[in-house]
Amino acid sequence: MKAVSPVIATLILIAIAVIAGVFVLRQFLTVAGQVGTQQYLEIQDLTFLKQTSPDGTKMTITMSVSVKNAGDRQIIIKKVEVPDANWSTDLNVILNPGETYTNSWTILKDIPYTIVWETGQSHTVKITYQVAGTPSLQTVSQKGAVR
């Protein structure tokens, strides 16, 4: 039985170490990429309240939203928008980790009655925020039902 040359054995060990190193680096980069896209802002409660005029021809829509900073860094809520109502508001609300922000806005006032805002219909709200220490803005969106 012949033995393997020490040079060949060394080259095989080096190749195994390089391949293992590539797999470890790939795994590290995958995990690091997932941490960078963590969702910091969670929408906890979202409702649209419809109020109809006494004669039923006009309506007012009020939106209530409650959000929580579910991350481990401070965030700044920059904007809340409802595309279906063509409504938005700029904010500068700072939320520390674990804190909750709740607010209500009248997004449509005395508009002619429309089935688009009928009870049970869903509409999307987009909230734009910035995580402390990052230059980019992130957006979270969710649908809420009209009551």
Protein backbone atom coordinates (compact mmCIF):
# COMPACT_ATOMS: atom_id res chain seq x y z
CA MET A 1 0.00 0.00 0.00
CA LYS A 2 1.36 3.41 -0.99
CA ALA A 3 1.18 6.51 1.21
CA VAL A 4 -0.03 9.92 0.03
CA SER A 5 2.71 12.40 -0.65
CA PRO A 6 3.01 15.07 2.11
CA VAL A 7 2.75 17.83 -0.54
CA ILE A 8 -0.51 16.44 -1.93
CA ALA A 9 -1.91 15.93 1.58
CA THR A 10 -1.06 19.55 2.44
CA LEU A 11 -2.76 20.83 -0.73
CA ILE A 12 -5.89 18.78 0.03
CA LEU A 13 -6.03 20.19 3.58
CA ILE A 14 -5.58 23.76 2.27
CA ALA A 15 -8.40 23.22 -0.26
CA ILE A 16 -10.72 21.90 2.45
CA ALA A 17 -9.92 24.90 4.69
CA VAL A 18 -10.59 27.39 1.86
CA ILE A 19 -13.92 25.76 0.97
CA ALA A 20 -14.99 25.74 4.64
CA GLY A 21 -13.95 29.40 4.96
CA VAL A 22 -16.07 30.36 1.94
CA PHE A 23 -19.12 28.62 3.45
CA VAL A 24 -18.60 30.37 6.80
CA LEU A 25 -18.21 33.77 5.11
CA ARG A 26 -21.31 33.18 2.99
CA GLN A 27 -23.34 32.29 6.08
CA PHE A 28 -22.05 35.37 7.94
CA LEU A 29 -22.97 37.69 5.06
CA THR A 30 -26.44 36.15 4.78
CA VAL A 31 -27.14 36.65 8.50
CA ALA A 32 -25.70 40.19 8.45
CA GLY A 33 -27.94 41.06 5.48
CA GLN A 34 -31.04 39.86 7.31
CA VAL A 35 -30.23 41.94 10.40
CA GLY A 36 -29.90 45.05 8.22
CA THR A 37 -33.46 44.67 6.95
CA GLN A 38 -35.08 44.26 10.37
CA GLN A 39 -38.55 45.76 10.57
CA TYR A 40 -38.41 48.26 13.41
CA LEU A 41 -41.89 49.72 13.18
CA GLU A 42 -44.99 47.57 13.76
CA ILE A 43 -48.51 48.82 13.12
CA GLN A 44 -50.50 47.50 16.06
CA ASP A 45 -53.92 49.04 15.43
CA LEU A 46 -55.37 50.72 12.35
CA THR A 47 -58.99 51.74 11.78
CA PHE A 48 -60.95 54.14 9.63
CA LEU A 49 -64.10 55.57 11.18
CA LYS A 50 -66.84 56.79 8.83
CA GLN A 51 -69.31 59.43 9.96
CA THR A 52 -72.19 60.22 7.63
CA SER A 53 -74.09 63.52 7.55
CA PRO A 54 -77.71 63.43 8.78
CA ASP A 55 -79.04 63.46 5.21
CA GLY A 56 -76.56 60.75 4.11
CA THR A 57 -75.03 62.74 1.26
CA LYS A 58 -71.70 63.62 2.88
CA MET A 59 -69.14 61.70 4.92
CA THR A 60 -66.08 62.33 7.07
CA ILE A 61 -63.35 59.72 7.50
CA THR A 62 -61.12 59.66 10.56
CA MET A 63 -58.09 57.36 10.78
CA SER A 64 -56.69 56.05 14.07
CA VAL A 65 -53.31 54.35 14.13
CA SER A 66 -51.09 52.90 16.84
CA VAL A 67 -47.50 51.91 16.07
CA LYS A 68 -44.71 50.41 18.15
CA ASN A 69 -40.94 50.55 17.85
CA ALA A 70 -40.15 46.83 17.90
CA GLY A 71 -36.45 47.30 17.16
CA ASP A 72 -33.42 47.89 19.31
CA ARG A 73 -32.69 51.43 18.10
CA GLN A 74 -34.48 54.76 18.21
CA ILE A 75 -36.62 55.61 15.17
CA ILE A 76 -38.14 58.80 13.82
CA ILE A 77 -41.56 58.61 12.16
CA LYS A 78 -41.35 60.95 9.18
CA LYS A 79 -44.61 60.56 7.25
CA VAL A 80 -48.03 58.94 7.36
CA GLU A 81 -50.03 58.63 4.15
CA VAL A 82 -53.27 57.15 2.85
CA PRO A 83 -52.94 56.89 -0.94
CA ASP A 84 -56.66 56.13 -1.50
CA ALA A 85 -57.59 59.44 0.14
CA ASN A 86 -54.71 61.38 -1.44
CA TRP A 87 -53.77 62.38 2.12
CA SER A 88 -50.46 62.60 3.93
CA THR A 89 -48.89 64.35 6.87
CA ASP A 90 -45.25 64.98 7.69
CA LEU A 91 -44.15 64.15 11.22
CA ASN A 92 -41.03 64.18 13.35
CA VAL A 93 -42.01 61.72 16.10
CA ILE A 94 -39.16 60.04 17.97
CA LEU A 95 -39.81 56.55 19.35
CA ASN A 96 -37.36 54.75 21.60
CA PRO A 97 -37.25 50.94 21.57
CA GLY A 98 -40.48 49.52 22.97
CA GLU A 99 -42.40 52.82 22.86
CA THR A 100 -45.82 53.19 21.20
CA TYR A 101 -47.26 56.17 19.31
CA THR A 102 -51.01 56.60 18.83
CA ASN A 103 -52.80 59.36 16.92
CA SER A 104 -55.98 60.14 14.97
CA TRP A 105 -56.40 62.34 11.91
CA THR A 106 -59.38 63.44 9.85
CA ILE A 107 -58.26 62.37 6.40
CA LEU A 108 -61.46 63.27 4.48
CA LYS A 109 -63.96 65.89 5.63
CA ASP A 110 -67.48 66.48 4.29
CA ILE A 111 -66.85 64.70 0.99
CA PRO A 112 -69.76 63.51 -1.15
CA TYR A 113 -70.87 60.00 -0.18
CA THR A 114 -68.90 57.31 -2.02
CA ILE A 115 -69.01 53.53 -1.85
CA VAL A 116 -65.18 53.48 -1.79
CA TRP A 117 -65.30 54.40 1.90
CA GLU A 118 -68.23 52.14 2.80
CA THR A 119 -68.09 50.10 6.02
CA GLY A 120 -65.97 46.97 5.56
CA GLN A 121 -63.80 48.37 2.74
CA SER A 122 -60.02 48.20 3.30
CA HIS A 123 -57.50 50.95 2.63
CA THR A 124 -53.72 51.00 2.88
CA VAL A 125 -51.73 53.23 5.21
CA LYS A 126 -48.01 53.81 4.59
CA ILE A 127 -45.72 54.99 7.37
CA THR A 128 -42.24 56.18 6.53
CA TYR A 129 -39.58 56.20 9.23
CA GLN A 130 -35.83 56.44 9.75
CA VAL A 131 -33.78 54.23 12.04
CA ALA A 132 -31.21 56.11 14.14
CA GLY A 133 -27.76 55.83 12.61
CA THR A 134 -28.98 55.06 9.09
CA PRO A 135 -29.35 57.54 6.23
CA SER A 136 -32.14 55.72 4.39
CA LEU A 137 -35.87 55.82 5.01
CA GLN A 138 -37.94 52.66 5.46
CA THR A 139 -41.65 52.20 4.86
CA VAL A 140 -44.17 49.89 6.46
CA SER A 141 -47.71 49.55 5.15
CA GLN A 142 -50.86 47.82 6.26
CA LYS A 143 -54.54 47.70 5.34
CA GLY A 144 -57.21 48.84 7.72
CA ALA A 145 -60.98 48.44 7.51
CA VAL A 146 -63.61 51.19 7.55
CA ARG A 147 -66.05 51.02 10.45
